[in-house]
Amino acid sequence: MKLTKRLHSCVQLEKDGRTLVIDPGAFSEPDAGLGAGALLVTHEHPDHFEEGRLRAALDANPAAGLWTLRSVAEKLAPAYPGRVHTVGHGDAFTAAGFEVQVHGELHAVIHPDLPRVTNVGYLVEASLFHPGDALTVPGVPVETLMLPVHAPWNKISEVIDYVREVKPLRAIDIHDAYLSDIARPIYDFALDTLGRTDHGRLSAGDSAHL
């Protein structure tokens, strides 16, 4: 399986000529979802969900489908009957030839005064886990953890403890648009020395074979 990092929390997976894209939001490239046979969205916040980009991707490929939680599905289902699928914790499905399991229910706490929205993570091919905006521990072996490295709802000690609890073979940074280049070495050092796994990051457009 080929992983291509897109901007922020968006990732593209390719296998056997098929493409799956997770979270082509407003912080990702405008064309991030184009060409995908399957689109997965973790939650409704705009850096993960941008309605116009999803519509463009679904319009460009009439065979493409969207799998997401109810708050996002309700916005798109009327225009794409049979192609928008509502999923939640514990569900499993096949999308564009990829086997996907759903883990998690709520977005991480930003502040106690802010209501928590629904958030789901996706385990793809029993191998790669994208948690969205939560430090969800799927409770099953994970080879590649897409790691939300910097967000309004986390701090580096929590990120380190999350990696230690999941125990992936490797962790690759996502949710990094908020993090300036000058600060990246600080985060890299902390995760490299304390995360107890193979930690790395990809620039937008770079790929790795998993």
C-alpha atoms as a PDB file:
ATOM      1  CA  MET A   1       0.000   0.000   0.000  1.00  0.00           C
ATOM      2  CA  LYS A   2       1.318   3.427  -0.959  1.00  0.00           C
ATOM      3  CA  LEU A   3       0.806   6.364   1.410  1.00  0.00           C
ATOM      4  CA  THR A   4       1.008   9.930   0.127  1.00  0.00           C
ATOM      5  CA  LYS A   5       0.911  12.745   2.646  1.00  0.00           C
ATOM      6  CA  ARG A   6      -1.217  15.696   1.648  1.00  0.00           C
ATOM      7  CA  LEU A   7      -1.444  18.989   3.528  1.00  0.00           C
ATOM      8  CA  HIS A   8      -2.499  18.972   7.193  1.00  0.00           C
ATOM      9  CA  SER A   9      -4.516  15.834   8.074  1.00  0.00           C
ATOM     10  CA  CYS A  10      -5.245  14.613   4.565  1.00  0.00           C
ATOM     11  CA  VAL A  11      -3.694  11.338   3.426  1.00  0.00           C
ATOM     12  CA  GLN A  12      -3.996   9.379   0.192  1.00  0.00           C
ATOM     13  CA  LEU A  13      -3.703   5.595   0.029  1.00  0.00           C
ATOM     14  CA  GLU A  14      -3.229   3.577  -3.154  1.00  0.00           C
ATOM     15  CA  LYS A  15      -3.460  -0.161  -3.714  1.00  0.00           C
ATOM     16  CA  ASP A  16      -4.005  -2.244  -6.849  1.00  0.00           C
ATOM     17  CA  GLY A  17      -4.788   0.849  -8.908  1.00  0.00           C
ATOM     18  CA  ARG A  18      -7.395   2.124  -6.444  1.00  0.00           C
ATOM     19  CA  THR A  19      -7.276   5.266  -4.332  1.00  0.00           C
ATOM     20  CA  LEU A  20      -8.714   6.177  -0.934  1.00  0.00           C
ATOM     21  CA  VAL A  21      -8.448   9.667   0.562  1.00  0.00           C
ATOM     22  CA  ILE A  22      -9.030  10.620   4.197  1.00  0.00           C
ATOM     23  CA  ASP A  23      -9.989  14.149   5.321  1.00  0.00           C
ATOM     24  CA  PRO A  24      -9.604  16.359   2.240  1.00  0.00           C
ATOM     25  CA  GLY A  25     -10.473  19.464   4.241  1.00  0.00           C
ATOM     26  CA  ALA A  26     -10.014  23.192   3.783  1.00  0.00           C
ATOM     27  CA  PHE A  27      -6.358  23.009   4.862  1.00  0.00           C
ATOM     28  CA  SER A  28      -5.529  20.361   2.252  1.00  0.00           C
ATOM     29  CA  GLU A  29      -4.853  20.902  -1.438  1.00  0.00           C
ATOM     30  CA  PRO A  30      -7.927  21.899  -3.492  1.00  0.00           C
ATOM     31  CA  ASP A  31      -7.536  18.748  -5.615  1.00  0.00           C
ATOM     32  CA  ALA A  32      -6.788  16.398  -2.713  1.00  0.00           C
ATOM     33  CA  GLY A  33      -9.896  14.267  -3.196  1.00  0.00           C
ATOM     34  CA  LEU A  34      -9.968  14.178  -6.980  1.00  0.00           C
ATOM     35  CA  GLY A  35      -9.490  10.737  -8.480  1.00  0.00           C
ATOM     36  CA  ALA A  36     -10.374   8.873  -5.301  1.00  0.00           C
ATOM     37  CA  GLY A  37     -12.715   5.913  -5.421  1.00  0.00           C
ATOM     38  CA  ALA A  38     -13.379   6.255  -1.694  1.00  0.00           C
ATOM     39  CA  LEU A  39     -13.452   9.341   0.510  1.00  0.00           C
ATOM     40  CA  LEU A  40     -13.434   9.091   4.306  1.00  0.00           C
ATOM     41  CA  VAL A  41     -14.092  12.038   6.637  1.00  0.00           C
ATOM     42  CA  THR A  42     -13.433  11.842  10.374  1.00  0.00           C
ATOM     43  CA  HIS A  43     -15.542  14.810  11.533  1.00  0.00           C
ATOM     44  CA  GLU A  44     -17.195  18.074  10.620  1.00  0.00           C
ATOM     45  CA  HIS A  45     -14.524  20.678  11.420  1.00  0.00           C
ATOM     46  CA  PRO A  46     -13.462  22.606   8.305  1.00  0.00           C
ATOM     47  CA  ASP A  47      -9.796  21.607   8.376  1.00  0.00           C
ATOM     48  CA  HIS A  48     -11.032  18.023   7.836  1.00  0.00           C
ATOM     49  CA  PHE A  49     -14.307  18.544   5.962  1.00  0.00           C
ATOM     50  CA  GLU A  50     -14.778  20.972   3.079  1.00  0.00           C
ATOM     51  CA  GLU A  51     -18.077  20.386   1.334  1.00  0.00           C
ATOM     52  CA  GLY A  52     -17.092  21.894  -2.015  1.00  0.00           C
ATOM     53  CA  ARG A  53     -14.050  19.662  -2.349  1.00  0.00           C
ATOM     54  CA  LEU A  54     -16.029  16.546  -1.555  1.00  0.00           C
ATOM     55  CA  ARG A  55     -18.689  17.493  -4.079  1.00  0.00           C
ATOM     56  CA  ALA A  56     -16.007  18.078  -6.709  1.00  0.00           C
ATOM     57  CA  ALA A  57     -14.477  14.667  -6.021  1.00  0.00           C
ATOM     58  CA  LEU A  58     -17.851  12.886  -6.134  1.00  0.00           C
ATOM     59  CA  ASP A  59     -18.838  14.738  -9.312  1.00  0.00           C
ATOM     60  CA  ALA A  60     -15.515  13.890 -10.983  1.00  0.00           C
ATOM     61  CA  ASN A  61     -15.902  10.156 -10.341  1.00  0.00           C
ATOM     62  CA  PRO A  62     -19.483   8.838 -10.466  1.00  0.00           C
ATOM     63  CA  ALA A  63     -18.263   5.540  -8.985  1.00  0.00           C
ATOM     64  CA  ALA A  64     -16.774   7.215  -5.910  1.00  0.00           C
ATOM     65  CA  GLY A  65     -18.366   6.955  -2.492  1.00  0.00           C
ATOM     66  CA  LEU A  66     -18.140   8.840   0.794  1.00  0.00           C
ATOM     67  CA  TRP A  67     -18.030   7.190   4.236  1.00  0.00           C
ATOM     68  CA  THR A  68     -18.411   9.486   7.216  1.00  0.00           C
ATOM     69  CA  LEU A  69     -20.346  10.284  10.365  1.00  0.00           C
ATOM     70  CA  ARG A  70     -23.922  11.523  10.400  1.00  0.00           C
ATOM     71  CA  SER A  71     -23.261  15.276  10.683  1.00  0.00           C
ATOM     72  CA  VAL A  72     -21.282  15.252   7.426  1.00  0.00           C
ATOM     73  CA  ALA A  73     -23.358  12.619   5.628  1.00  0.00           C
ATOM     74  CA  GLU A  74     -26.555  14.615   6.097  1.00  0.00           C
ATOM     75  CA  LYS A  75     -25.084  17.518   4.122  1.00  0.00           C
ATOM     76  CA  LEU A  76     -24.233  15.430   1.062  1.00  0.00           C
ATOM     77  CA  ALA A  77     -26.510  12.394   0.985  1.00  0.00           C
ATOM     78  CA  PRO A  78     -29.477  14.116  -0.738  1.00  0.00           C
ATOM     79  CA  ALA A  79     -27.341  15.027  -3.772  1.00  0.00           C
ATOM     80  CA  TYR A  80     -25.602  11.643  -4.020  1.00  0.00           C
ATOM     81  CA  PRO A  81     -28.172   8.919  -3.291  1.00  0.00           C
ATOM     82  CA  GLY A  82     -26.609   5.563  -2.525  1.00  0.00           C
ATOM     83  CA  ARG A  83     -23.086   6.982  -2.508  1.00  0.00           C
ATOM     84  CA  VAL A  84     -22.891   8.548   0.971  1.00  0.00           C
ATOM     85  CA  HIS A  85     -22.625   6.094   3.848  1.00  0.00           C
ATOM     86  CA  THR A  86     -23.039   6.905   7.551  1.00  0.00           C
ATOM     87  CA  VAL A  87     -20.655   5.008   9.840  1.00  0.00           C
ATOM     88  CA  GLY A  88     -19.864   4.876  13.541  1.00  0.00           C
ATOM     89  CA  HIS A  89     -17.744   3.141  16.131  1.00  0.00           C
ATOM     90  CA  GLY A  90     -17.571  -0.622  15.612  1.00  0.00           C
ATOM     91  CA  ASP A  91     -18.566  -0.569  11.935  1.00  0.00           C
ATOM     92  CA  ALA A  92     -16.549  -2.305   9.221  1.00  0.00           C
ATOM     93  CA  PHE A  93     -16.885  -1.827   5.474  1.00  0.00           C
ATOM     94  CA  THR A  94     -15.118  -2.161   2.127  1.00  0.00           C
ATOM     95  CA  ALA A  95     -14.447   1.044   0.193  1.00  0.00           C
ATOM     96  CA  ALA A  96     -12.806   0.986  -3.251  1.00  0.00           C
ATOM     97  CA  GLY A  97     -11.284  -2.371  -2.374  1.00  0.00           C
ATOM     98  CA  PHE A  98      -9.909  -1.220   0.989  1.00  0.00           C
ATOM     99  CA  GLU A  99     -11.032  -2.935   4.185  1.00  0.00           C
ATOM    100  CA  VAL A 100     -11.865  -0.305   6.832  1.00  0.00           C
ATOM    101  CA  GLN A 101     -12.789  -0.514  10.511  1.00  0.00           C
ATOM    102  CA  VAL A 102     -14.220   2.426  12.473  1.00  0.00           C
ATOM    103  CA  HIS A 103     -12.953   3.304  15.953  1.00  0.00           C
ATOM    104  CA  GLY A 104     -13.876   6.194  18.235  1.00  0.00           C
ATOM    105  CA  GLU A 105     -16.867   8.370  18.978  1.00  0.00           C
ATOM    106  CA  LEU A 106     -15.938  11.881  20.158  1.00  0.00           C
ATOM    107  CA  HIS A 107     -13.586  14.714  19.257  1.00  0.00           C
ATOM    108  CA  ALA A 108     -10.908  15.464  21.831  1.00  0.00           C
ATOM    109  CA  VAL A 109     -11.734  18.137  24.413  1.00  0.00           C
ATOM    110  CA  ILE A 110     -10.738  21.592  23.184  1.00  0.00           C
ATOM    111  CA  HIS A 111     -12.200  23.349  26.237  1.00  0.00           C
ATOM    112  CA  PRO A 112     -14.844  22.229  28.732  1.00  0.00           C
ATOM    113  CA  ASP A 113     -17.102  25.083  27.616  1.00  0.00           C
ATOM    114  CA  LEU A 114     -17.142  23.840  24.005  1.00  0.00           C
ATOM    115  CA  PRO A 115     -19.474  20.955  23.107  1.00  0.00           C
ATOM    116  CA  ARG A 116     -17.683  17.915  21.726  1.00  0.00           C
ATOM    117  CA  VAL A 117     -18.624  16.850  18.207  1.00  0.00           C
ATOM    118  CA  THR A 118     -18.573  13.300  16.935  1.00  0.00           C
ATOM    119  CA  ASN A 119     -15.247  12.041  15.592  1.00  0.00           C
ATOM    120  CA  VAL A 120     -14.374   8.653  14.137  1.00  0.00           C
ATOM    121  CA  GLY A 121     -11.019   7.120  13.281  1.00  0.00           C
ATOM    122  CA  TYR A 122     -10.351   4.708  10.428  1.00  0.00           C
ATOM    123  CA  LEU A 123      -8.194   1.581  10.499  1.00  0.00           C
ATOM    124  CA  VAL A 124      -7.400   0.771   6.874  1.00  0.00           C
ATOM    125  CA  GLU A 125      -6.357  -2.719   5.795  1.00  0.00           C
ATOM    126  CA  ALA A 126      -5.867  -3.650   9.477  1.00  0.00           C
ATOM    127  CA  SER A 127      -2.654  -1.669   9.191  1.00  0.00           C
ATOM    128  CA  LEU A 128      -2.909   2.145   9.072  1.00  0.00           C
ATOM    129  CA  PHE A 129      -4.892   4.118  11.632  1.00  0.00           C
ATOM    130  CA  HIS A 130      -6.034   7.717  11.126  1.00  0.00           C
ATOM    131  CA  PRO A 131      -7.677   8.941  14.366  1.00  0.00           C
ATOM    132  CA  GLY A 132      -8.971  12.305  13.145  1.00  0.00           C
ATOM    133  CA  ASP A 133      -9.094  14.798  16.023  1.00  0.00           C
ATOM    134  CA  ALA A 134      -8.888  12.409  18.938  1.00  0.00           C
ATOM    135  CA  LEU A 135      -6.302  10.270  20.655  1.00  0.00           C
ATOM    136  CA  THR A 136      -8.338   7.125  20.118  1.00  0.00           C
ATOM    137  CA  VAL A 137      -6.644   3.856  20.970  1.00  0.00           C
ATOM    138  CA  PRO A 138      -8.157   1.261  18.614  1.00  0.00           C
ATOM    139  CA  GLY A 139      -7.273  -1.668  20.854  1.00  0.00           C
ATOM    140  CA  VAL A 140      -5.879  -3.721  17.969  1.00  0.00           C
ATOM    141  CA  PRO A 141      -2.366  -3.916  16.469  1.00  0.00           C
ATOM    142  CA  VAL A 142      -1.447  -0.890  14.333  1.00  0.00           C
ATOM    143  CA  GLU A 143       1.478  -0.864  11.932  1.00  0.00           C
ATOM    144  CA  THR A 144       1.273   2.804  10.867  1.00  0.00           C
ATOM    145  CA  LEU A 145      -0.233   5.462  13.124  1.00  0.00           C
ATOM    146  CA  MET A 146      -1.066   8.785  11.513  1.00  0.00           C
ATOM    147  CA  LEU A 147      -0.174  10.995  14.450  1.00  0.00           C
ATOM    148  CA  PRO A 148      -1.957  14.329  15.169  1.00  0.00           C
ATOM    149  CA  VAL A 149       1.218  16.086  16.208  1.00  0.00           C
ATOM    150  CA  HIS A 150      -0.050  19.583  16.982  1.00  0.00           C
ATOM    151  CA  ALA A 151      -3.572  20.902  17.573  1.00  0.00           C
ATOM    152  CA  PRO A 152      -5.557  23.292  19.774  1.00  0.00           C
ATOM    153  CA  TRP A 153      -6.680  20.217  21.726  1.00  0.00           C
ATOM    154  CA  ASN A 154      -3.374  18.495  22.502  1.00  0.00           C
ATOM    155  CA  LYS A 155       0.095  18.970  23.950  1.00  0.00           C
ATOM    156  CA  ILE A 156       3.300  17.087  23.237  1.00  0.00           C
ATOM    157  CA  SER A 157       3.213  15.000  26.421  1.00  0.00           C
ATOM    158  CA  GLU A 158      -0.226  13.681  25.423  1.00  0.00           C
ATOM    159  CA  VAL A 159       0.999  12.911  21.921  1.00  0.00           C
ATOM    160  CA  ILE A 160       3.973  10.985  23.309  1.00  0.00           C
ATOM    161  CA  ASP A 161       1.772   9.005  25.692  1.00  0.00           C
ATOM    162  CA  TYR A 162      -0.636   8.266  22.849  1.00  0.00           C
ATOM    163  CA  VAL A 163       2.116   6.749  20.718  1.00  0.00           C
ATOM    164  CA  ARG A 164       3.282   4.673  23.664  1.00  0.00           C
ATOM    165  CA  GLU A 165      -0.232   3.357  24.287  1.00  0.00           C
ATOM    166  CA  VAL A 166      -1.005   2.458  20.656  1.00  0.00           C
ATOM    167  CA  LYS A 167       2.478   0.915  20.147  1.00  0.00           C
ATOM    168  CA  PRO A 168       2.577   1.179  16.350  1.00  0.00           C
ATOM    169  CA  LEU A 169       5.526  -0.035  14.293  1.00  0.00           C
ATOM    170  CA  ARG A 170       5.810   3.516  12.983  1.00  0.00           C
ATOM    171  CA  ALA A 171       4.194   6.916  13.540  1.00  0.00           C
ATOM    172  CA  ILE A 172       3.916   9.541  10.806  1.00  0.00           C
ATOM    173  CA  ASP A 173       2.847  13.102  11.558  1.00  0.00           C
ATOM    174  CA  ILE A 174      -0.445  14.603  10.461  1.00  0.00           C
ATOM    175  CA  HIS A 175      -2.416  17.616  11.744  1.00  0.00           C
ATOM    176  CA  ASP A 176       0.690  19.717  11.277  1.00  0.00           C
ATOM    177  CA  ALA A 177      -0.542  22.883   9.537  1.00  0.00           C
ATOM    178  CA  TYR A 178      -0.541  24.748  12.853  1.00  0.00           C
ATOM    179  CA  LEU A 179       3.118  23.900  13.508  1.00  0.00           C
ATOM    180  CA  SER A 180       5.777  26.264  12.154  1.00  0.00           C
ATOM    181  CA  ASP A 181       8.931  24.950  10.511  1.00  0.00           C
ATOM    182  CA  ILE A 182      11.122  26.579  13.152  1.00  0.00           C
ATOM    183  CA  ALA A 183       9.417  24.516  15.885  1.00  0.00           C
ATOM    184  CA  ARG A 184       9.406  21.170  14.075  1.00  0.00           C
ATOM    185  CA  PRO A 185      12.817  20.024  15.380  1.00  0.00           C
ATOM    186  CA  ILE A 186      11.549  20.359  18.970  1.00  0.00           C
ATOM    187  CA  TYR A 187       8.618  18.067  18.266  1.00  0.00           C
ATOM    188  CA  ASP A 188      10.769  15.682  16.242  1.00  0.00           C
ATOM    189  CA  PHE A 189      13.302  15.379  19.045  1.00  0.00           C
ATOM    190  CA  ALA A 190      10.648  14.718  21.675  1.00  0.00           C
ATOM    191  CA  LEU A 191       8.865  12.071  19.624  1.00  0.00           C
ATOM    192  CA  ASP A 192      12.067  10.470  18.343  1.00  0.00           C
ATOM    193  CA  THR A 193      13.519  10.098  21.828  1.00  0.00           C
ATOM    194  CA  LEU A 194      10.383   9.437  23.890  1.00  0.00           C
ATOM    195  CA  GLY A 195       7.809   7.901  21.568  1.00  0.00           C
ATOM    196  CA  ARG A 196       9.308   4.389  21.659  1.00  0.00           C
ATOM    197  CA  THR A 197       8.604   3.777  17.979  1.00  0.00           C
ATOM    198  CA  ASP A 198       9.900   4.659  14.532  1.00  0.00           C
ATOM    199  CA  HIS A 199       8.742   8.259  14.181  1.00  0.00           C
ATOM    200  CA  GLY A 200       8.891  10.231  10.946  1.00  0.00           C
ATOM    201  CA  ARG A 201       7.193  12.871   8.890  1.00  0.00           C
ATOM    202  CA  LEU A 202       6.489  13.394   5.224  1.00  0.00           C
ATOM    203  CA  SER A 203       6.241  16.699   3.435  1.00  0.00           C
ATOM    204  CA  ALA A 204       3.073  17.268   1.460  1.00  0.00           C
ATOM    205  CA  GLY A 205       3.322  15.279  -1.751  1.00  0.00           C
ATOM    206  CA  ASP A 206       5.884  12.808  -0.431  1.00  0.00           C
ATOM    207  CA  SER A 207       5.087   9.100  -0.379  1.00  0.00           C
ATOM    208  CA  ALA A 208       6.070   5.943   1.461  1.00  0.00           C
ATOM    209  CA  HIS A 209       5.357   2.296   0.725  1.00  0.00           C
ATOM    210  CA  LEU A 210       3.929   0.482   3.724  1.00  0.00           C
END
